PDB file of N, CA and C in Angstrom:
ATOM      1  N   MET A   1     110.724 109.742 125.244  1.00  0.00           N
ATOM      2  CA  MET A   1     109.550 109.295 124.516  1.00  0.00           C
ATOM      3  C   MET A   1     109.578 109.825 123.115  1.00  0.00           C
ATOM      4  N   VAL A   2     109.939 111.082 122.955  1.00  0.00           N
ATOM      5  CA  VAL A   2     109.994 111.702 121.595  1.00  0.00           C
ATOM      6  C   VAL A   2     111.003 110.937 120.732  1.00  0.00           C
ATOM      7  N   VAL A   3     112.124 110.677 121.287  1.00  0.00           N
ATOM      8  CA  VAL A   3     113.202 109.989 120.570  1.00  0.00           C
ATOM      9  C   VAL A   3     112.721 108.550 120.129  1.00  0.00           C
ATOM     10  N   ALA A   4     112.019 107.882 121.045  1.00  0.00           N
ATOM     11  CA  ALA A   4     111.508 106.540 120.714  1.00  0.00           C
ATOM     12  C   ALA A   4     110.539 106.610 119.597  1.00  0.00           C
ATOM     13  N   LEU A   5     109.607 107.569 119.647  1.00  0.00           N
ATOM     14  CA  LEU A   5     108.627 107.687 118.595  1.00  0.00           C
ATOM     15  C   LEU A   5     109.255 108.030 117.272  1.00  0.00           C
ATOM     16  N   GLY A   6     110.236 108.925 117.340  1.00  0.00           N
ATOM     17  CA  GLY A   6     110.958 109.256 116.081  1.00  0.00           C
ATOM     18  C   GLY A   6     111.655 108.085 115.513  1.00  0.00           C
ATOM     19  N   LEU A   7     112.320 107.284 116.292  1.00  0.00           N
ATOM     20  CA  LEU A   7     113.033 106.163 115.850  1.00  0.00           C
ATOM     21  C   LEU A   7     111.994 105.081 115.270  1.00  0.00           C
ATOM     22  N   ALA A   8     110.924 104.896 115.937  1.00  0.00           N
ATOM     23  CA  ALA A   8     109.933 103.956 115.475  1.00  0.00           C
ATOM     24  C   ALA A   8     109.348 104.362 114.170  1.00  0.00           C
ATOM     25  N   ALA A   9     109.117 105.684 113.983  1.00  0.00           N
ATOM     26  CA  ALA A   9     108.620 106.159 112.731  1.00  0.00           C
ATOM     27  C   ALA A   9     109.609 105.947 111.573  1.00  0.00           C
ATOM     28  N   MET A  10     110.874 106.148 111.837  1.00  0.00           N
ATOM     29  CA  MET A  10     111.951 105.970 110.854  1.00  0.00           C
ATOM     30  C   MET A  10     112.005 104.507 110.415  1.00  0.00           C
ATOM     31  N   ILE A  11     111.895 103.626 111.433  1.00  0.00           N
ATOM     32  CA  ILE A  11     111.995 102.162 111.190  1.00  0.00           C
ATOM     33  C   ILE A  11     110.757 101.723 110.354  1.00  0.00           C
ATOM     34  N   MET A  12     109.575 102.164 110.719  1.00  0.00           N
ATOM     35  CA  MET A  12     108.370 101.818 109.993  1.00  0.00           C
ATOM     36  C   MET A  12     108.456 102.275 108.526  1.00  0.00           C
ATOM     37  N   LYS A  13     108.988 103.505 108.319  1.00  0.00           N
ATOM     38  CA  LYS A  13     109.054 103.998 106.978  1.00  0.00           C
ATOM     39  C   LYS A  13     110.039 103.148 106.101  1.00  0.00           C
ATOM     40  N   SER A  14     111.132 102.629 106.693  1.00  0.00           N
ATOM     41  CA  SER A  14     112.012 101.835 105.954  1.00  0.00           C
ATOM     42  C   SER A  14     111.521 100.453 105.753  1.00  0.00           C
ATOM     43  N   VAL A  15     110.567  99.998 106.610  1.00  0.00           N
ATOM     44  CA  VAL A  15     110.032  98.604 106.466  1.00  0.00           C
ATOM     45  C   VAL A  15     108.936  98.567 105.440  1.00  0.00           C
ATOM     46  N   VAL A  16     108.002  99.469 105.480  1.00  0.00           N
ATOM     47  CA  VAL A  16     106.824  99.353 104.713  1.00  0.00           C
ATOM     48  C   VAL A  16     106.569 100.485 103.687  1.00  0.00           C
ATOM     49  N   SER A  17     107.684 101.173 103.392  1.00  0.00           N
ATOM     50  CA  SER A  17     107.512 102.274 102.370  1.00  0.00           C
ATOM     51  C   SER A  17     106.976 101.792 101.043  1.00  0.00           C
ATOM     52  N   ARG A  18     106.021 102.464 100.472  1.00  0.00           N
ATOM     53  CA  ARG A  18     105.391 102.117  99.242  1.00  0.00           C
ATOM     54  C   ARG A  18     105.933 102.937  98.019  1.00  0.00           C
ATOM     55  N   ASP A  19     107.004 103.706  98.274  1.00  0.00           N
ATOM     56  CA  ASP A  19     107.539 104.551  97.299  1.00  0.00           C
ATOM     57  C   ASP A  19     108.089 103.638  96.129  1.00  0.00           C
ATOM     58  N   THR A  20     107.713 103.897  94.905  1.00  0.00           N
ATOM     59  CA  THR A  20     108.092 103.017  93.848  1.00  0.00           C
ATOM     60  C   THR A  20     109.616 103.029  93.501  1.00  0.00           C
ATOM     61  N   SER A  21     110.293 104.132  93.794  1.00  0.00           N
ATOM     62  CA  SER A  21     111.645 104.309  93.514  1.00  0.00           C
ATOM     63  C   SER A  21     112.498 103.644  94.674  1.00  0.00           C
ATOM     64  N   SER A  22     111.944 103.555  95.822  1.00  0.00           N
ATOM     65  CA  SER A  22     112.661 103.007  97.007  1.00  0.00           C
ATOM     66  C   SER A  22     111.723 102.337  97.972  1.00  0.00           C
ATOM     67  N   PRO A  23     111.218 101.166  97.604  1.00  0.00           N
ATOM     68  CA  PRO A  23     110.227 100.482  98.490  1.00  0.00           C
ATOM     69  C   PRO A  23     110.855  99.882  99.724  1.00  0.00           C
ATOM     70  N   GLY A  24     110.100  99.745 100.762  1.00  0.00           N
ATOM     71  CA  GLY A  24     110.651  99.087 102.007  1.00  0.00           C
ATOM     72  C   GLY A  24     110.904  97.658 101.811  1.00  0.00           C
ATOM     73  N   PHE A  25     111.777  97.032 102.583  1.00  0.00           N
ATOM     74  CA  PHE A  25     112.130  95.645 102.401  1.00  0.00           C
ATOM     75  C   PHE A  25     110.926  94.742 102.519  1.00  0.00           C
ATOM     76  N   LEU A  26     109.997  94.985 103.367  1.00  0.00           N
ATOM     77  CA  LEU A  26     108.828  94.163 103.484  1.00  0.00           C
ATOM     78  C   LEU A  26     108.035  94.255 102.228  1.00  0.00           C
ATOM     79  N   MET A  27     107.886  95.369 101.661  1.00  0.00           N
ATOM     80  CA  MET A  27     107.072  95.461 100.393  1.00  0.00           C
ATOM     81  C   MET A  27     107.839  94.789  99.256  1.00  0.00           C
ATOM     82  N   LYS A  28     109.162  94.816  99.244  1.00  0.00           N
ATOM     83  CA  LYS A  28     109.919  94.081  98.239  1.00  0.00           C
ATOM     84  C   LYS A  28     109.727  92.612  98.303  1.00  0.00           C
ATOM     85  N   LYS A  29     109.789  92.155  99.527  1.00  0.00           N
ATOM     86  CA  LYS A  29     109.579  90.605  99.690  1.00  0.00           C
ATOM     87  C   LYS A  29     108.134  90.227  99.404  1.00  0.00           C
ATOM     88  N   TRP A  30     107.124  91.089  99.793  1.00  0.00           N
ATOM     89  CA  TRP A  30     105.715  90.781  99.465  1.00  0.00           C
ATOM     90  C   TRP A  30     105.526  90.730  97.995  1.00  0.00           C
ATOM     91  N   GLN A  31     106.102  91.715  97.249  1.00  0.00           N
ATOM     92  CA  GLN A  31     105.923  91.719  95.817  1.00  0.00           C
ATOM     93  C   GLN A  31     106.518  90.578  95.190  1.00  0.00           C
ATOM     94  N   SER A  32     107.719  90.117  95.699  1.00  0.00           N
ATOM     95  CA  SER A  32     108.385  88.904  95.171  1.00  0.00           C
ATOM     96  C   SER A  32     107.551  87.668  95.421  1.00  0.00           C
ATOM     97  N   LEU A  33     106.907  87.578  96.524  1.00  0.00           N
ATOM     98  CA  LEU A  33     106.083  86.471  96.902  1.00  0.00           C
ATOM     99  C   LEU A  33     104.800  86.418  95.963  1.00  0.00           C
ATOM    100  N   VAL A  34     104.201  87.545  95.754  1.00  0.00           N
ATOM    101  CA  VAL A  34     102.987  87.681  94.908  1.00  0.00           C
ATOM    102  C   VAL A  34     103.415  87.323  93.468  1.00  0.00           C
ATOM    103  N   GLU A  35     104.546  87.695  92.944  1.00  0.00           N
ATOM    104  CA  GLU A  35     104.938  87.380  91.648  1.00  0.00           C
ATOM    105  C   GLU A  35     105.249  85.910  91.475  1.00  0.00           C
ATOM    106  N   GLN A  36     105.795  85.301  92.519  1.00  0.00           N
ATOM    107  CA  GLN A  36     106.060  83.923  92.544  1.00  0.00           C
ATOM    108  C   GLN A  36     104.827  82.981  92.490  1.00  0.00           C
ATOM    109  N   ILE A  37     103.835  83.423  93.264  1.00  0.00           N
ATOM    110  CA  ILE A  37     102.582  82.746  93.328  1.00  0.00           C
ATOM    111  C   ILE A  37     101.857  82.920  91.980  1.00  0.00           C
ATOM    112  N   GLY A  38     101.943  84.092  91.434  1.00  0.00           N
ATOM    113  CA  GLY A  38     101.293  84.358  90.107  1.00  0.00           C
ATOM    114  C   GLY A  38     101.900  83.589  88.924  1.00  0.00           C
ATOM    115  N   ALA A  39     103.245  83.303  89.089  1.00  0.00           N
ATOM    116  CA  ALA A  39     103.913  82.540  88.006  1.00  0.00           C
ATOM    117  C   ALA A  39     103.706  81.053  88.079  1.00  0.00           C
ATOM    118  N   ASP A  40     103.134  80.623  89.208  1.00  0.00           N
ATOM    119  CA  ASP A  40     102.945  79.124  89.351  1.00  0.00           C
ATOM    120  C   ASP A  40     101.836  78.678  88.451  1.00  0.00           C
ATOM    121  N   ASP A  41     102.222  77.597  87.694  1.00  0.00           N
ATOM    122  CA  ASP A  41     101.272  77.020  86.788  1.00  0.00           C
ATOM    123  C   ASP A  41     100.783  75.634  87.358  1.00  0.00           C
ATOM    124  N   PRO A  42      99.561  75.588  87.764  1.00  0.00           N
ATOM    125  CA  PRO A  42      99.027  74.404  88.386  1.00  0.00           C
ATOM    126  C   PRO A  42      98.996  73.158  87.386  1.00  0.00           C
ATOM    127  N   ASN A  43      98.996  73.460  86.103  1.00  0.00           N
ATOM    128  CA  ASN A  43      98.943  72.400  85.133  1.00  0.00           C
ATOM    129  C   ASN A  43     100.300  71.735  84.995  1.00  0.00           C
ATOM    130  N   LYS A  44     101.334  72.253  85.438  1.00  0.00           N
ATOM    131  CA  LYS A  44     102.697  71.751  85.364  1.00  0.00           C
ATOM    132  C   LYS A  44     103.056  70.854  86.579  1.00  0.00           C
ATOM    133  N   ARG A  45     102.140  70.767  87.536  1.00  0.00           N
ATOM    134  CA  ARG A  45     102.521  69.990  88.719  1.00  0.00           C
ATOM    135  C   ARG A  45     102.441  68.485  88.414  1.00  0.00           C
ATOM    136  N   SER A  46     103.275  67.780  88.959  1.00  0.00           N
ATOM    137  CA  SER A  46     103.253  66.342  88.814  1.00  0.00           C
ATOM    138  C   SER A  46     102.687  65.707  90.132  1.00  0.00           C
ATOM    139  N   ASN A  47     101.742  64.844  90.036  1.00  0.00           N
ATOM    140  CA  ASN A  47     101.115  64.250  91.171  1.00  0.00           C
ATOM    141  C   ASN A  47     101.722  62.905  91.555  1.00  0.00           C
TER     142      ASN A  47
END
């Protein structure tokens, strides 16, 4: 049980780490998605 909890904690840290020098992969993908949405210009869409 202790090993499983330790492994789960390590996995969670690597997934959602908010450290600016080494963010988790989920945070990197989320930031990329937010930047992509923010860069979208609705006036450039063709209907």
